[in-house]
Amino acid sequence: MPAAGQSFGLGFAVRTAAGRNPLPGSIGTFYWTGAYGTTFWIDPGEKLIGVLMIQVPLAETGPYRRAMRYLAYQALLNARE
């Protein structure tokens, strides 16, 4: 998905450019999502790690994964104010 500013390699998706990725994150952020919703992401630029251990079919986990990520980055912004 280069148009979204990311690539996939060695088992992880990696943000390689700003692109049009709908999720917050810095260039260099890498992540993985499992078939039943478990997911993690690591943003070295923000020194941030997120882990979500949820066990429901992948199609149903999208809102939870997005909410967790947006809330984590919003908390960073609020802490900087």
PDB file of N, CA and C in Angstrom:
ATOM      1  N   MET A   1       0.807  -1.175   0.000  1.00  0.00           N
ATOM      2  CA  MET A   1       0.000   0.000   0.000  1.00  0.00           C
ATOM      3  C   MET A   1       0.869   1.267   0.000  1.00  0.00           C
ATOM      4  N   PRO A   2       1.725   1.438  -0.985  1.00  0.00           N
ATOM      5  CA  PRO A   2       2.592   2.617  -1.024  1.00  0.00           C
ATOM      6  C   PRO A   2       1.833   3.937  -1.067  1.00  0.00           C
ATOM      7  N   ALA A   3       0.641   3.959  -1.660  1.00  0.00           N
ATOM      8  CA  ALA A   3      -0.131   5.203  -1.718  1.00  0.00           C
ATOM      9  C   ALA A   3      -0.514   5.679  -0.322  1.00  0.00           C
ATOM     10  N   ALA A   4      -0.651   4.746   0.610  1.00  0.00           N
ATOM     11  CA  ALA A   4      -0.972   5.102   1.991  1.00  0.00           C
ATOM     12  C   ALA A   4       0.283   5.391   2.795  1.00  0.00           C
ATOM     13  N   GLY A   5       1.448   5.360   2.143  1.00  0.00           N
ATOM     14  CA  GLY A   5       2.696   5.665   2.828  1.00  0.00           C
ATOM     15  C   GLY A   5       3.217   4.529   3.679  1.00  0.00           C
ATOM     16  N   GLN A   6       2.901   3.291   3.294  1.00  0.00           N
ATOM     17  CA  GLN A   6       3.405   2.162   4.062  1.00  0.00           C
ATOM     18  C   GLN A   6       3.806   1.014   3.159  1.00  0.00           C
ATOM     19  N   SER A   7       4.560   0.114   3.733  1.00  0.00           N
ATOM     20  CA  SER A   7       5.050  -1.052   3.020  1.00  0.00           C
ATOM     21  C   SER A   7       4.948  -2.234   3.969  1.00  0.00           C
ATOM     22  N   PHE A   8       5.204  -3.414   3.469  1.00  0.00           N
ATOM     23  CA  PHE A   8       5.129  -4.602   4.302  1.00  0.00           C
ATOM     24  C   PHE A   8       6.413  -5.384   4.116  1.00  0.00           C
ATOM     25  N   GLY A   9       7.053  -5.746   5.212  1.00  0.00           N
ATOM     26  CA  GLY A   9       8.280  -6.512   5.103  1.00  0.00           C
ATOM     27  C   GLY A   9       8.624  -7.204   6.406  1.00  0.00           C
ATOM     28  N   LEU A  10       9.183  -8.390   6.329  1.00  0.00           N
ATOM     29  CA  LEU A  10       9.607  -9.177   7.482  1.00  0.00           C
ATOM     30  C   LEU A  10       8.487  -9.354   8.514  1.00  0.00           C
ATOM     31  N   GLY A  11       7.270  -9.496   8.043  1.00  0.00           N
ATOM     32  CA  GLY A  11       6.160  -9.785   8.922  1.00  0.00           C
ATOM     33  C   GLY A  11       5.432  -8.590   9.517  1.00  0.00           C
ATOM     34  N   PHE A  12       5.868  -7.388   9.201  1.00  0.00           N
ATOM     35  CA  PHE A  12       5.247  -6.191   9.769  1.00  0.00           C
ATOM     36  C   PHE A  12       4.927  -5.194   8.675  1.00  0.00           C
ATOM     37  N   ALA A  13       3.910  -4.396   8.900  1.00  0.00           N
ATOM     38  CA  ALA A  13       3.667  -3.226   8.059  1.00  0.00           C
ATOM     39  C   ALA A  13       4.523  -2.101   8.635  1.00  0.00           C
ATOM     40  N   VAL A  14       5.103  -1.296   7.757  1.00  0.00           N
ATOM     41  CA  VAL A  14       5.991  -0.210   8.182  1.00  0.00           C
ATOM     42  C   VAL A  14       5.575   1.061   7.471  1.00  0.00           C
ATOM     43  N   ARG A  15       5.409   2.142   8.220  1.00  0.00           N
ATOM     44  CA  ARG A  15       5.107   3.441   7.616  1.00  0.00           C
ATOM     45  C   ARG A  15       6.409   4.001   7.053  1.00  0.00           C
ATOM     46  N   THR A  16       6.419   4.197   5.742  1.00  0.00           N
ATOM     47  CA  THR A  16       7.627   4.649   5.055  1.00  0.00           C
ATOM     48  C   THR A  16       7.558   6.109   4.625  1.00  0.00           C
ATOM     49  N   ALA A  17       6.361   6.679   4.600  1.00  0.00           N
ATOM     50  CA  ALA A  17       6.175   8.068   4.175  1.00  0.00           C
ATOM     51  C   ALA A  17       4.880   8.594   4.782  1.00  0.00           C
ATOM     52  N   ALA A  18       4.720   9.911   4.742  1.00  0.00           N
ATOM     53  CA  ALA A  18       3.511  10.515   5.303  1.00  0.00           C
ATOM     54  C   ALA A  18       2.268   9.957   4.604  1.00  0.00           C
ATOM     55  N   GLY A  19       2.250   9.943   3.289  1.00  0.00           N
ATOM     56  CA  GLY A  19       1.178   9.326   2.524  1.00  0.00           C
ATOM     57  C   GLY A  19      -0.211   9.746   2.957  1.00  0.00           C
ATOM     58  N   ARG A  20      -1.161   8.900   2.680  1.00  0.00           N
ATOM     59  CA  ARG A  20      -2.559   9.164   3.033  1.00  0.00           C
ATOM     60  C   ARG A  20      -3.061   8.154   4.049  1.00  0.00           C
ATOM     61  N   ASN A  21      -2.205   7.686   4.917  1.00  0.00           N
ATOM     62  CA  ASN A  21      -2.594   6.699   5.914  1.00  0.00           C
ATOM     63  C   ASN A  21      -3.616   7.308   6.862  1.00  0.00           C
ATOM     64  N   PRO A  22      -4.752   6.658   7.058  1.00  0.00           N
ATOM     65  CA  PRO A  22      -5.793   7.234   7.913  1.00  0.00           C
ATOM     66  C   PRO A  22      -5.491   7.147   9.413  1.00  0.00           C
ATOM     67  N   LEU A  23      -4.495   6.362   9.794  1.00  0.00           N
ATOM     68  CA  LEU A  23      -4.170   6.213  11.209  1.00  0.00           C
ATOM     69  C   LEU A  23      -3.018   7.122  11.607  1.00  0.00           C
ATOM     70  N   PRO A  24      -3.035   7.639  12.828  1.00  0.00           N
ATOM     71  CA  PRO A  24      -1.927   8.469  13.282  1.00  0.00           C
ATOM     72  C   PRO A  24      -0.664   7.633  13.452  1.00  0.00           C
ATOM     73  N   GLY A  25       0.477   8.281  13.301  1.00  0.00           N
ATOM     74  CA  GLY A  25       1.764   7.609  13.480  1.00  0.00           C
ATOM     75  C   GLY A  25       2.856   8.333  12.744  1.00  0.00           C
ATOM     76  N   SER A  26       4.075   8.115  13.180  1.00  0.00           N
ATOM     77  CA  SER A  26       5.246   8.734  12.574  1.00  0.00           C
ATOM     78  C   SER A  26       5.827   7.826  11.497  1.00  0.00           C
ATOM     79  N   ILE A  27       6.631   8.396  10.633  1.00  0.00           N
ATOM     80  CA  ILE A  27       7.386   7.568   9.688  1.00  0.00           C
ATOM     81  C   ILE A  27       8.284   6.661  10.518  1.00  0.00           C
ATOM     82  N   GLY A  28       8.295   5.385  10.198  1.00  0.00           N
ATOM     83  CA  GLY A  28       9.049   4.395  10.959  1.00  0.00           C
ATOM     84  C   GLY A  28       8.177   3.570  11.892  1.00  0.00           C
ATOM     85  N   THR A  29       6.919   3.966  12.060  1.00  0.00           N
ATOM     86  CA  THR A  29       5.996   3.176  12.876  1.00  0.00           C
ATOM     87  C   THR A  29       5.787   1.822  12.209  1.00  0.00           C
ATOM     88  N   PHE A  30       5.811   0.762  12.997  1.00  0.00           N
ATOM     89  CA  PHE A  30       5.525  -0.556  12.429  1.00  0.00           C
ATOM     90  C   PHE A  30       4.477  -1.243  13.284  1.00  0.00           C
ATOM     91  N   TYR A  31       3.718  -2.138  12.627  1.00  0.00           N
ATOM     92  CA  TYR A  31       2.616  -2.785  13.332  1.00  0.00           C
ATOM     93  C   TYR A  31       2.273  -4.119  12.700  1.00  0.00           C
ATOM     94  N   TRP A  32       1.462  -4.863  13.424  1.00  0.00           N
ATOM     95  CA  TRP A  32       0.968  -6.159  12.977  1.00  0.00           C
ATOM     96  C   TRP A  32      -0.416  -6.363  13.566  1.00  0.00           C
ATOM     97  N   THR A  33      -1.310  -6.972  12.804  1.00  0.00           N
ATOM     98  CA  THR A  33      -2.657  -7.295  13.274  1.00  0.00           C
ATOM     99  C   THR A  33      -2.933  -8.761  12.978  1.00  0.00           C
ATOM    100  N   GLY A  34      -3.391  -9.483  13.981  1.00  0.00           N
ATOM    101  CA  GLY A  34      -3.685 -10.905  13.836  1.00  0.00           C
ATOM    102  C   GLY A  34      -5.091 -11.156  13.321  1.00  0.00           C
ATOM    103  N   ALA A  35      -5.363 -12.399  12.980  1.00  0.00           N
ATOM    104  CA  ALA A  35      -6.643 -12.780  12.383  1.00  0.00           C
ATOM    105  C   ALA A  35      -7.830 -12.585  13.314  1.00  0.00           C
ATOM    106  N   TYR A  36      -7.615 -12.656  14.613  1.00  0.00           N
ATOM    107  CA  TYR A  36      -8.717 -12.483  15.548  1.00  0.00           C
ATOM    108  C   TYR A  36      -8.578 -11.218  16.379  1.00  0.00           C
ATOM    109  N   GLY A  37      -7.950 -10.203  15.795  1.00  0.00           N
ATOM    110  CA  GLY A  37      -7.981  -8.872  16.385  1.00  0.00           C
ATOM    111  C   GLY A  37      -6.811  -8.459  17.237  1.00  0.00           C
ATOM    112  N   THR A  38      -5.974  -9.402  17.672  1.00  0.00           N
ATOM    113  CA  THR A  38      -4.812  -8.960  18.436  1.00  0.00           C
ATOM    114  C   THR A  38      -3.970  -8.063  17.542  1.00  0.00           C
ATOM    115  N   THR A  39      -3.449  -7.004  18.091  1.00  0.00           N
ATOM    116  CA  THR A  39      -2.660  -6.065  17.297  1.00  0.00           C
ATOM    117  C   THR A  39      -1.657  -5.349  18.176  1.00  0.00           C
ATOM    118  N   PHE A  40      -0.592  -4.874  17.564  1.00  0.00           N
ATOM    119  CA  PHE A  40       0.330  -3.991  18.264  1.00  0.00           C
ATOM    120  C   PHE A  40       0.900  -3.019  17.264  1.00  0.00           C
ATOM    121  N   TRP A  41       1.377  -1.896  17.767  1.00  0.00           N
ATOM    122  CA  TRP A  41       2.141  -0.969  16.945  1.00  0.00           C
ATOM    123  C   TRP A  41       3.226  -0.361  17.797  1.00  0.00           C
ATOM    124  N   ILE A  42       4.310  -0.011  17.157  1.00  0.00           N
ATOM    125  CA  ILE A  42       5.444   0.632  17.815  1.00  0.00           C
ATOM    126  C   ILE A  42       5.797   1.862  16.997  1.00  0.00           C
ATOM    127  N   ASP A  43       5.792   3.009  17.658  1.00  0.00           N
ATOM    128  CA  ASP A  43       6.149   4.277  17.023  1.00  0.00           C
ATOM    129  C   ASP A  43       7.437   4.770  17.674  1.00  0.00           C
ATOM    130  N   PRO A  44       8.597   4.452  17.071  1.00  0.00           N
ATOM    131  CA  PRO A  44       9.864   4.862  17.673  1.00  0.00           C
ATOM    132  C   PRO A  44      10.009   6.376  17.790  1.00  0.00           C
ATOM    133  N   GLY A  45       9.436   7.128  16.849  1.00  0.00           N
ATOM    134  CA  GLY A  45       9.542   8.586  16.881  1.00  0.00           C
ATOM    135  C   GLY A  45       8.861   9.202  18.091  1.00  0.00           C
ATOM    136  N   GLU A  46       7.789   8.588  18.554  1.00  0.00           N
ATOM    137  CA  GLU A  46       7.050   9.095  19.717  1.00  0.00           C
ATOM    138  C   GLU A  46       7.359   8.301  20.982  1.00  0.00           C
ATOM    139  N   LYS A  47       8.204   7.268  20.851  1.00  0.00           N
ATOM    140  CA  LYS A  47       8.514   6.378  21.972  1.00  0.00           C
ATOM    141  C   LYS A  47       7.221   5.807  22.556  1.00  0.00           C
ATOM    142  N   LEU A  48       6.408   5.249  21.661  1.00  0.00           N
ATOM    143  CA  LEU A  48       5.079   4.779  22.025  1.00  0.00           C
ATOM    144  C   LEU A  48       4.892   3.345  21.542  1.00  0.00           C
ATOM    145  N   ILE A  49       4.312   2.520  22.401  1.00  0.00           N
ATOM    146  CA  ILE A  49       3.971   1.133  22.060  1.00  0.00           C
ATOM    147  C   ILE A  49       2.517   0.913  22.444  1.00  0.00           C
ATOM    148  N   GLY A  50       1.743   0.321  21.549  1.00  0.00           N
ATOM    149  CA  GLY A  50       0.354  -0.010  21.837  1.00  0.00           C
ATOM    150  C   GLY A  50       0.120  -1.488  21.595  1.00  0.00           C
ATOM    151  N   VAL A  51      -0.595  -2.127  22.505  1.00  0.00           N
ATOM    152  CA  VAL A  51      -0.917  -3.549  22.378  1.00  0.00           C
ATOM    153  C   VAL A  51      -2.400  -3.720  22.693  1.00  0.00           C
ATOM    154  N   LEU A  52      -3.123  -4.374  21.809  1.00  0.00           N
ATOM    155  CA  LEU A  52      -4.541  -4.643  22.016  1.00  0.00           C
ATOM    156  C   LEU A  52      -4.746  -6.146  21.905  1.00  0.00           C
ATOM    157  N   MET A  53      -5.206  -6.753  22.980  1.00  0.00           N
ATOM    158  CA  MET A  53      -5.446  -8.195  23.006  1.00  0.00           C
ATOM    159  C   MET A  53      -6.954  -8.414  23.030  1.00  0.00           C
ATOM    160  N   ILE A  54      -7.526  -8.552  21.850  1.00  0.00           N
ATOM    161  CA  ILE A  54      -8.965  -8.740  21.708  1.00  0.00           C
ATOM    162  C   ILE A  54      -9.166  -9.999  20.871  1.00  0.00           C
ATOM    163  N   GLN A  55     -10.190 -10.755  21.142  1.00  0.00           N
ATOM    164  CA  GLN A  55     -10.411 -12.014  20.442  1.00  0.00           C
ATOM    165  C   GLN A  55     -11.799 -12.050  19.823  1.00  0.00           C
ATOM    166  N   VAL A  56     -11.955 -11.340  18.727  1.00  0.00           N
ATOM    167  CA  VAL A  56     -13.170 -11.382  17.921  1.00  0.00           C
ATOM    168  C   VAL A  56     -12.736 -11.396  16.467  1.00  0.00           C
ATOM    169  N   PRO A  57     -13.586 -11.808  15.547  1.00  0.00           N
ATOM    170  CA  PRO A  57     -13.187 -11.835  14.139  1.00  0.00           C
ATOM    171  C   PRO A  57     -12.656 -10.480  13.671  1.00  0.00           C
ATOM    172  N   LEU A  58     -11.649 -10.521  12.833  1.00  0.00           N
ATOM    173  CA  LEU A  58     -10.942  -9.328  12.382  1.00  0.00           C
ATOM    174  C   LEU A  58     -11.881  -8.247  11.852  1.00  0.00           C
ATOM    175  N   ALA A  59     -12.910  -8.641  11.116  1.00  0.00           N
ATOM    176  CA  ALA A  59     -13.830  -7.659  10.531  1.00  0.00           C
ATOM    177  C   ALA A  59     -14.537  -6.824  11.599  1.00  0.00           C
ATOM    178  N   GLU A  60     -14.646  -7.353  12.805  1.00  0.00           N
ATOM    179  CA  GLU A  60     -15.346  -6.644  13.879  1.00  0.00           C
ATOM    180  C   GLU A  60     -14.415  -5.828  14.764  1.00  0.00           C
ATOM    181  N   THR A  61     -13.102  -5.954  14.594  1.00  0.00           N
ATOM    182  CA  THR A  61     -12.162  -5.275  15.495  1.00  0.00           C
ATOM    183  C   THR A  61     -11.746  -3.895  15.011  1.00  0.00           C
ATOM    184  N   GLY A  62     -12.046  -3.544  13.771  1.00  0.00           N
ATOM    185  CA  GLY A  62     -11.611  -2.265  13.214  1.00  0.00           C
ATOM    186  C   GLY A  62     -11.928  -1.067  14.087  1.00  0.00           C
ATOM    187  N   PRO A  63     -13.163  -0.913  14.548  1.00  0.00           N
ATOM    188  CA  PRO A  63     -13.470   0.258  15.380  1.00  0.00           C
ATOM    189  C   PRO A  63     -12.646   0.307  16.671  1.00  0.00           C
ATOM    190  N   TYR A  64     -12.382  -0.840  17.277  1.00  0.00           N
ATOM    191  CA  TYR A  64     -11.600  -0.880  18.515  1.00  0.00           C
ATOM    192  C   TYR A  64     -10.140  -0.538  18.255  1.00  0.00           C
ATOM    193  N   ARG A  65      -9.585  -1.103  17.173  1.00  0.00           N
ATOM    194  CA  ARG A  65      -8.179  -0.818  16.848  1.00  0.00           C
ATOM    195  C   ARG A  65      -7.991   0.658  16.528  1.00  0.00           C
ATOM    196  N   ARG A  66      -8.887   1.223  15.729  1.00  0.00           N
ATOM    197  CA  ARG A  66      -8.775   2.653  15.390  1.00  0.00           C
ATOM    198  C   ARG A  66      -8.942   3.529  16.619  1.00  0.00           C
ATOM    199  N   ALA A  67      -9.946   3.214  17.448  1.00  0.00           N
ATOM    200  CA  ALA A  67     -10.192   4.025  18.649  1.00  0.00           C
ATOM    201  C   ALA A  67      -8.994   3.996  19.585  1.00  0.00           C
ATOM    202  N   MET A  68      -8.417   2.831  19.788  1.00  0.00           N
ATOM    203  CA  MET A  68      -7.260   2.738  20.681  1.00  0.00           C
ATOM    204  C   MET A  68      -6.102   3.594  20.172  1.00  0.00           C
ATOM    205  N   ARG A  69      -5.866   3.522  18.883  1.00  0.00           N
ATOM    206  CA  ARG A  69      -4.739   4.270  18.320  1.00  0.00           C
ATOM    207  C   ARG A  69      -4.990   5.782  18.366  1.00  0.00           C
ATOM    208  N   TYR A  70      -6.180   6.203  17.967  1.00  0.00           N
ATOM    209  CA  TYR A  70      -6.502   7.635  18.017  1.00  0.00           C
ATOM    210  C   TYR A  70      -6.452   8.157  19.448  1.00  0.00           C
ATOM    211  N   LEU A  71      -6.977   7.404  20.400  1.00  0.00           N
ATOM    212  CA  LEU A  71      -6.972   7.848  21.789  1.00  0.00           C
ATOM    213  C   LEU A  71      -5.551   7.942  22.349  1.00  0.00           C
ATOM    214  N   ALA A  72      -4.691   7.010  21.984  1.00  0.00           N
ATOM    215  CA  ALA A  72      -3.298   7.061  22.454  1.00  0.00           C
ATOM    216  C   ALA A  72      -2.594   8.311  21.930  1.00  0.00           C
ATOM    217  N   TYR A  73      -2.762   8.622  20.652  1.00  0.00           N
ATOM    218  CA  TYR A  73      -2.109   9.800  20.104  1.00  0.00           C
ATOM    219  C   TYR A  73      -2.755  11.089  20.605  1.00  0.00           C
ATOM    220  N   GLN A  74      -4.056  11.070  20.848  1.00  0.00           N
ATOM    221  CA  GLN A  74      -4.708  12.247  21.427  1.00  0.00           C
ATOM    222  C   GLN A  74      -4.192  12.512  22.835  1.00  0.00           C
ATOM    223  N   ALA A  75      -3.943  11.454  23.600  1.00  0.00           N
ATOM    224  CA  ALA A  75      -3.391  11.622  24.933  1.00  0.00           C
ATOM    225  C   ALA A  75      -2.001  12.252  24.868  1.00  0.00           C
ATOM    226  N   LEU A  76      -1.212  11.892  23.864  1.00  0.00           N
ATOM    227  CA  LEU A  76       0.107  12.525  23.686  1.00  0.00           C
ATOM    228  C   LEU A  76      -0.041  14.007  23.418  1.00  0.00           C
ATOM    229  N   LEU A  77      -0.963  14.360  22.537  1.00  0.00           N
ATOM    230  CA  LEU A  77      -1.182  15.778  22.216  1.00  0.00           C
ATOM    231  C   LEU A  77      -1.642  16.545  23.443  1.00  0.00           C
ATOM    232  N   ASN A  78      -2.549  15.966  24.219  1.00  0.00           N
ATOM    233  CA  ASN A  78      -3.042  16.638  25.420  1.00  0.00           C
ATOM    234  C   ASN A  78      -1.943  16.815  26.446  1.00  0.00           C
ATOM    235  N   ALA A  79      -1.049  15.844  26.560  1.00  0.00           N
ATOM    236  CA  ALA A  79       0.044  15.929  27.539  1.00  0.00           C
ATOM    237  C   ALA A  79       1.039  17.021  27.147  1.00  0.00           C
ATOM    238  N   ARG A  80       1.140  17.323  25.865  1.00  0.00           N
ATOM    239  CA  ARG A  80       2.091  18.345  25.410  1.00  0.00           C
ATOM    240  C   ARG A  80       1.554  19.753  25.583  1.00  0.00           C
ATOM    241  N   GLU A  81       0.249  19.893  25.792  1.00  0.00           N
ATOM    242  CA  GLU A  81      -0.355  21.231  25.920  1.00  0.00           C
ATOM    243  C   GLU A  81      -0.120  21.815  27.286  1.00  0.00           C
TER     244      GLU A  81
END
